[in-house]
Protein backbone atom coordinates (compact mmCIF):
# COMPACT_ATOMS: atom_id res chain seq x y z
CA MET A 1 -17.85 -29.11 -13.48
CA LYS A 2 -14.74 -27.82 -11.60
CA PRO A 3 -12.07 -27.03 -13.12
CA ALA A 4 -8.75 -29.36 -12.77
CA ARG A 5 -5.52 -27.77 -11.06
CA GLY A 6 -3.74 -27.77 -14.02
CA SER A 7 -6.26 -25.31 -15.49
CA GLN A 8 -6.26 -24.09 -11.70
CA CYS A 9 -2.76 -23.16 -11.54
CA LEU A 10 -3.30 -21.51 -15.52
CA LEU A 11 -5.62 -19.54 -14.31
CA GLY A 12 -3.92 -17.92 -11.42
CA PHE A 13 -0.76 -17.24 -13.25
CA THR A 14 -2.92 -15.53 -15.54
CA LEU A 15 -5.12 -13.60 -13.14
CA LEU A 16 -1.71 -12.57 -11.34
CA GLY A 17 0.07 -11.44 -14.93
CA LEU A 18 -3.04 -9.15 -15.55
CA LEU A 19 -3.10 -7.82 -11.57
CA LEU A 20 0.43 -7.69 -12.19
CA CYS A 21 0.42 -5.63 -15.04
CA SER A 22 -2.25 -3.22 -13.69
CA VAL A 23 0.52 -2.35 -10.31
CA ALA A 24 3.89 -2.48 -12.53
CA PRO A 25 2.94 0.69 -14.78
CA LEU A 26 2.16 2.67 -11.40
CA TYR A 27 5.87 1.89 -10.00
CA ALA A 28 6.89 3.84 -13.42
CA GLN A 29 4.42 6.55 -13.39
CA THR A 30 5.28 7.76 -9.80
CA SER A 31 9.46 7.71 -9.43
CA PRO A 32 10.57 10.65 -9.78
CA SER A 33 12.29 11.80 -12.87
CA PRO A 34 15.76 13.47 -13.14
CA SER A 35 14.42 17.09 -13.25
CA PRO A 36 10.83 17.37 -11.30
CA THR A 37 8.54 19.39 -11.24
CA PRO A 38 7.35 21.32 -8.40
CA ALA A 39 5.17 19.66 -5.86
CA VAL A 40 3.55 22.46 -4.56
CA ARG A 41 0.51 22.81 -6.08
CA PRO A 42 -2.27 25.95 -5.91
CA THR A 43 -5.84 25.34 -4.68
CA PRO A 44 -8.02 23.41 -4.95
CA SER A 45 -7.37 21.31 -1.48
CA LEU A 46 -6.88 17.83 -1.01
CA GLU A 47 -10.16 17.69 0.45
CA LYS A 48 -12.28 19.56 -2.09
CA GLU A 49 -10.36 17.30 -5.02
CA PHE A 50 -10.72 13.98 -2.70
CA PHE A 51 -13.56 12.22 -4.63
CA ARG A 52 -12.21 13.51 -7.87
CA ASN A 53 -8.76 12.54 -7.45
CA ILE A 54 -10.05 8.71 -6.61
CA LEU A 55 -11.75 8.72 -10.06
CA ARG A 56 -8.60 9.92 -11.30
CA ASP A 57 -6.74 6.76 -9.74
CA GLN A 58 -9.22 4.25 -10.82
CA LYS A 59 -8.76 5.92 -14.14
CA ALA A 60 -4.93 5.13 -13.73
CA ILE A 61 -5.38 1.61 -12.18
CA TRP A 62 -7.35 0.06 -14.65
CA THR A 63 -5.44 1.50 -17.71
CA ALA A 64 -2.34 0.67 -16.30
CA PRO A 65 -1.41 -2.56 -17.88
CA PHE A 66 -1.92 -0.04 -21.49
CA HIS A 67 1.73 1.44 -20.23
CA ILE A 68 3.97 -1.67 -19.63
CA GLY A 69 7.03 -1.32 -20.13
CA ARG A 70 9.83 -3.97 -20.67
CA ALA A 71 11.26 -2.60 -17.30
CA ASP A 72 8.56 -3.92 -15.01
CA ALA A 73 9.26 -8.12 -16.82
CA LYS A 74 12.40 -8.09 -14.33
CA TRP A 75 10.24 -8.67 -11.22
CA ILE A 76 7.07 -9.25 -12.69
CA VAL A 77 8.10 -12.89 -14.15
CA PRO A 78 9.89 -13.73 -11.12
CA THR A 79 6.81 -12.76 -8.74
CA SER A 80 4.34 -14.35 -11.34
CA ILE A 81 6.30 -17.84 -10.56
CA GLY A 82 6.35 -17.65 -7.02
CA THR A 83 2.84 -16.78 -6.57
CA MET A 84 2.00 -19.48 -9.31
CA ALA A 85 3.96 -21.94 -7.25
CA LEU A 86 1.79 -20.66 -4.42
CA ILE A 87 -1.75 -21.16 -6.12
CA THR A 88 -0.79 -24.65 -6.92
CA THR A 89 0.00 -25.41 -3.18
CA ASP A 90 -2.31 -23.51 -2.00
CA ARG A 91 -4.86 -26.06 -0.85
CA ILE A 92 -2.29 -27.95 0.67
CA THR A 93 -0.69 -25.34 2.89
CA GLY A 94 -4.54 -24.56 3.52
CA ASP A 95 -5.52 -27.56 5.04
CA GLU A 96 -1.73 -28.11 6.91
CA ILE A 97 -2.65 -24.70 9.27
CA ALA A 98 -6.34 -25.80 9.72
CA GLU A 99 -4.85 -28.90 11.03
CA SER A 100 -2.27 -26.81 13.29
CA ASP A 101 -2.70 -25.81 16.87
CA ARG A 102 -2.08 -22.02 16.28
CA PRO A 103 -4.85 -20.01 18.43
CA VAL A 104 -7.15 -18.92 15.41
CA ASN A 105 -8.78 -16.29 18.16
CA SER A 106 -5.32 -14.52 17.95
CA SER A 107 -5.26 -14.11 14.35
CA LEU A 108 -8.54 -13.17 14.40
CA PHE A 109 -7.80 -10.48 16.90
CA VAL A 110 -4.04 -9.17 14.83
CA SER A 111 -6.53 -8.66 11.04
CA ARG A 112 -8.87 -6.49 12.98
CA ALA A 113 -6.40 -3.56 12.20
CA GLY A 114 -6.48 -4.28 8.65
CA SER A 115 -10.45 -3.95 8.63
CA ALA A 116 -12.20 -1.14 7.58
CA TYR A 117 -13.22 0.61 11.02
CA GLY A 118 -10.17 0.18 11.64
CA LEU A 119 -8.23 1.29 9.26
CA GLY A 120 -10.91 4.11 8.84
CA ALA A 121 -9.61 5.29 12.56
CA VAL A 122 -6.20 5.46 11.45
CA SER A 123 -7.02 8.04 9.17
CA ALA A 124 -9.24 9.59 11.03
CA THR A 125 -7.19 10.42 13.83
CA PHE A 126 -3.91 11.23 11.59
CA TYR A 127 -7.09 13.76 9.59
CA LEU A 128 -7.86 15.24 12.86
CA ILE A 129 -5.04 16.06 14.72
CA GLY A 130 -3.12 17.22 11.83
CA ARG A 131 -6.38 19.76 11.77
CA LYS A 132 -6.28 20.39 15.61
CA LYS A 133 -2.48 21.01 15.14
CA ASN A 134 -2.20 23.04 12.28
CA ASP A 135 0.11 19.66 11.15
CA ALA A 136 0.27 19.38 7.29
CA ARG A 137 1.98 16.47 7.14
CA ALA A 138 -0.43 14.33 9.47
CA ARG A 139 -3.34 16.14 7.71
CA GLU A 140 -2.21 14.98 4.18
CA THR A 141 -1.31 11.81 5.67
CA GLY A 142 -5.03 10.95 7.01
CA LEU A 143 -6.44 12.40 3.47
CA LEU A 144 -3.87 10.13 1.23
CA SER A 145 -4.62 6.86 3.33
CA ALA A 146 -8.23 7.17 3.24
CA GLU A 147 -8.13 8.33 -0.36
CA ALA A 148 -5.71 4.76 -0.63
CA PHE A 149 -7.83 2.94 1.10
CA VAL A 150 -11.13 3.47 -0.65
CA ASN A 151 -8.95 2.50 -4.07
CA SER A 152 -8.08 -0.31 -2.42
CA LEU A 153 -11.33 -1.33 -1.43
CA ILE A 154 -13.04 -0.74 -5.00
CA VAL A 155 -10.32 -2.66 -6.98
CA GLY A 156 -10.29 -5.57 -4.18
CA SER A 157 -14.12 -5.86 -4.53
CA ALA A 158 -13.96 -5.97 -8.01
CA LEU A 159 -11.21 -8.32 -8.31
CA LYS A 160 -13.20 -10.42 -5.57
CA ILE A 161 -16.48 -10.41 -8.03
CA ILE A 162 -14.06 -11.59 -11.01
CA THR A 163 -12.21 -14.20 -9.08
CA GLN A 164 -14.97 -15.61 -7.07
CA ARG A 165 -12.36 -17.79 -5.42
CA ALA A 166 -13.41 -20.60 -2.32
CA ARG A 167 -12.32 -19.48 1.15
CA PRO A 168 -10.01 -21.83 3.32
CA GLN A 169 -13.31 -23.22 4.82
CA ALA A 170 -15.59 -24.23 1.87
CA GLY A 171 -15.35 -27.23 2.17
CA ILE A 172 -14.88 -29.27 -0.67
CA GLU A 173 -15.21 -26.47 -3.00
CA ARG A 174 -11.87 -24.55 -1.28
CA SER A 175 -9.68 -22.97 -3.61
CA GLU A 176 -11.00 -23.28 -6.54
CA PHE A 177 -11.73 -20.15 -9.10
CA PHE A 178 -15.15 -19.01 -9.92
CA ASP A 179 -17.51 -20.57 -7.55
CA GLY A 180 -18.68 -17.66 -5.62
CA GLY A 181 -16.41 -17.14 -3.42
CA ASP A 182 -14.48 -13.97 -2.52
CA SER A 183 -10.82 -14.80 -1.03
CA PHE A 184 -8.93 -13.60 -4.22
CA PRO A 185 -6.76 -11.29 -3.42
CA SER A 186 -7.04 -11.02 0.56
CA GLY A 187 -8.67 -7.41 0.96
CA HIS A 188 -7.65 -7.03 4.36
CA SER A 189 -3.98 -7.43 3.06
CA THR A 190 -5.24 -4.73 0.30
CA GLN A 191 -6.30 -2.03 2.34
CA VAL A 192 -3.74 -2.21 5.21
CA TRP A 193 -0.69 -1.73 3.03
CA SER A 194 -1.78 0.92 0.69
CA VAL A 195 -2.68 3.17 4.01
CA ALA A 196 0.31 1.21 5.57
CA THR A 197 3.08 2.66 2.10
CA VAL A 198 0.88 6.04 2.52
CA ILE A 199 1.77 6.45 6.03
CA ALA A 200 5.98 5.46 5.98
CA ASN A 201 6.06 7.69 2.56
CA GLU A 202 5.06 10.68 4.98
CA TYR A 203 7.00 9.61 7.24
CA HIS A 204 9.96 8.78 5.16
CA ASP A 205 12.60 10.52 7.41
CA ARG A 206 10.73 8.36 10.91
CA PRO A 207 12.24 5.13 10.81
CA VAL A 208 10.16 4.18 13.50
CA VAL A 209 6.74 4.94 11.51
CA LYS A 210 7.71 3.33 8.79
CA PHE A 211 8.79 0.30 10.81
CA ALA A 212 5.55 0.68 12.59
CA ALA A 213 3.84 0.76 9.80
CA TYR A 214 5.32 -2.07 7.56
CA GLY A 215 5.16 -4.49 10.48
CA VAL A 216 1.43 -3.64 11.22
CA ALA A 217 0.67 -4.50 7.16
CA THR A 218 2.59 -7.54 7.46
CA ALA A 219 1.24 -8.70 10.72
CA VAL A 220 -2.42 -8.64 9.60
CA SER A 221 -1.63 -10.04 6.52
CA VAL A 222 0.12 -13.04 8.21
CA SER A 223 -2.88 -13.63 9.85
CA ARG A 224 -5.17 -13.81 7.52
CA PHE A 225 -3.68 -16.93 6.56
CA SER A 226 -3.11 -18.12 10.09
CA GLY A 227 -6.58 -17.48 11.01
CA GLN A 228 -7.93 -19.68 7.91
CA LYS A 229 -9.36 -16.64 6.12
CA HIS A 230 -7.31 -16.79 2.62
CA TYR A 231 -4.36 -18.49 1.17
CA LEU A 232 -0.80 -17.64 0.59
CA SER A 233 -1.41 -16.37 -2.90
CA ASP A 234 -4.65 -14.07 -1.86
CA VAL A 235 -2.23 -11.93 1.16
CA LEU A 236 0.25 -11.79 -1.76
CA VAL A 237 -1.16 -10.65 -4.00
CA GLY A 238 -3.46 -8.45 -1.82
CA SER A 239 -0.15 -7.24 -0.47
CA LEU A 240 1.19 -6.45 -4.00
CA LEU A 241 -2.14 -4.82 -5.16
CA GLY A 242 -2.26 -2.37 -2.02
CA TYR A 243 1.76 -1.43 -1.44
CA GLY A 244 1.45 -0.34 -5.45
CA ILE A 245 -1.64 1.36 -4.55
CA GLY A 246 -0.42 3.34 -1.99
CA GLN A 247 2.77 4.43 -3.84
CA TYR A 248 1.16 5.80 -6.67
CA VAL A 249 -1.78 7.54 -4.19
CA PHE A 250 1.12 9.21 -2.18
CA HIS A 251 3.57 10.51 -5.71
CA ALA A 252 0.08 11.29 -7.57
CA HIS A 253 -1.12 13.71 -4.82
CA HIS A 254 1.41 14.61 -1.98
CA ARG A 255 1.91 17.80 -1.17
CA LYS A 256 5.35 19.46 -0.12
CA ASP A 257 4.65 20.97 3.11
CA PRO A 258 7.54 23.73 3.43
CA LYS A 259 7.67 23.71 7.17
CA SER A 260 8.34 19.88 7.17
CA VAL A 261 11.96 17.74 7.63
CA SER A 262 13.36 16.68 4.63
CA ALA A 263 15.23 13.71 3.75
CA ASN A 264 18.81 15.79 3.83
CA ASP A 265 17.98 18.32 6.87
CA ASP A 266 17.81 16.83 9.83
CA SER A 267 16.33 19.37 12.65
CA ARG A 268 18.64 17.50 15.32
CA TRP A 269 22.05 18.76 14.37
CA PRO A 270 23.02 22.97 14.28
CA ALA A 271 23.11 24.91 10.82
CA ILE A 272 26.65 26.34 11.14
CA THR A 273 27.72 29.35 8.77
CA PRO A 274 30.35 32.15 8.61
CA LEU A 275 29.38 35.45 8.52
CA TYR A 276 32.29 38.52 6.96
CA ASP A 277 31.97 41.80 5.84
CA ARG A 278 35.02 43.10 5.03
CA ARG A 279 34.04 46.65 4.39
CA VAL A 280 34.26 46.91 8.07
CA HIS A 281 36.69 44.57 8.73
CA ALA A 282 33.78 42.19 10.56
CA TYR A 283 34.30 38.57 10.94
CA GLY A 284 31.81 35.94 12.80
CA VAL A 285 29.64 32.79 13.11
CA GLY A 286 25.67 32.21 12.30
CA LEU A 287 24.09 29.17 14.24
CA ARG A 288 20.65 28.13 13.45
CA TRP A 289 18.87 25.62 15.24
CA SER A 290 15.68 24.52 14.81
CA PHE A 291 13.73 21.84 16.81
């Protein structure tokens, strides 16, 4: 017997609450404290800690509901209500997009940027360029984005197995939960947002890079709906999960590079400092400009 629409709504709300409870504490765990500890860590390197860090990440993600706080409710409640509304209307919006003349092939082409091989290539490119040019930031970006990708893949796959929601093209079973499907949440959205969030955090001082990373993630997420592969709620929850995982991975494992440019250090402008020595009556100005 198939669940009624009311049961689906309740199920969707319950699932969303569990998902957001898993993600919300991650923000609190990774938000900067008034007296931050030094970010630079000694050996072992991120390469040696890669798989161990993934295990630590998984523990943090799945135990996050036990660390939920009152402050998280201010965005969990409205987001839950909004997503519940999307779940109740998913079949309607899904059927409407299926009847439109939107080119499906172009949407599927855009969504390739969020595929496993596409994101794997992005992480590998950052890492290899960082190794070749001795660029610590690019090297770390490759490692942490790959770590975020693996975490999002594990979490997304587990939730797909649990929810088993039928995809929009599944016929009469479409949008139903526990029907052997793999629609909820959107894997592409979860994965691309986790990688994009790491990149945006690493290059926080480069607005163009941040805009490009989040722009690609948004385009991929929208394409999964317009390409008739997922419902709006699948895309929204997947994006939120990916963003939360990316934030956690970056703040938990980021190692500050002394050579990197900080948010308050703009190397495009010279640093001018006064120089004087009263003993020899010498006065002057020092100029330092790194570019």
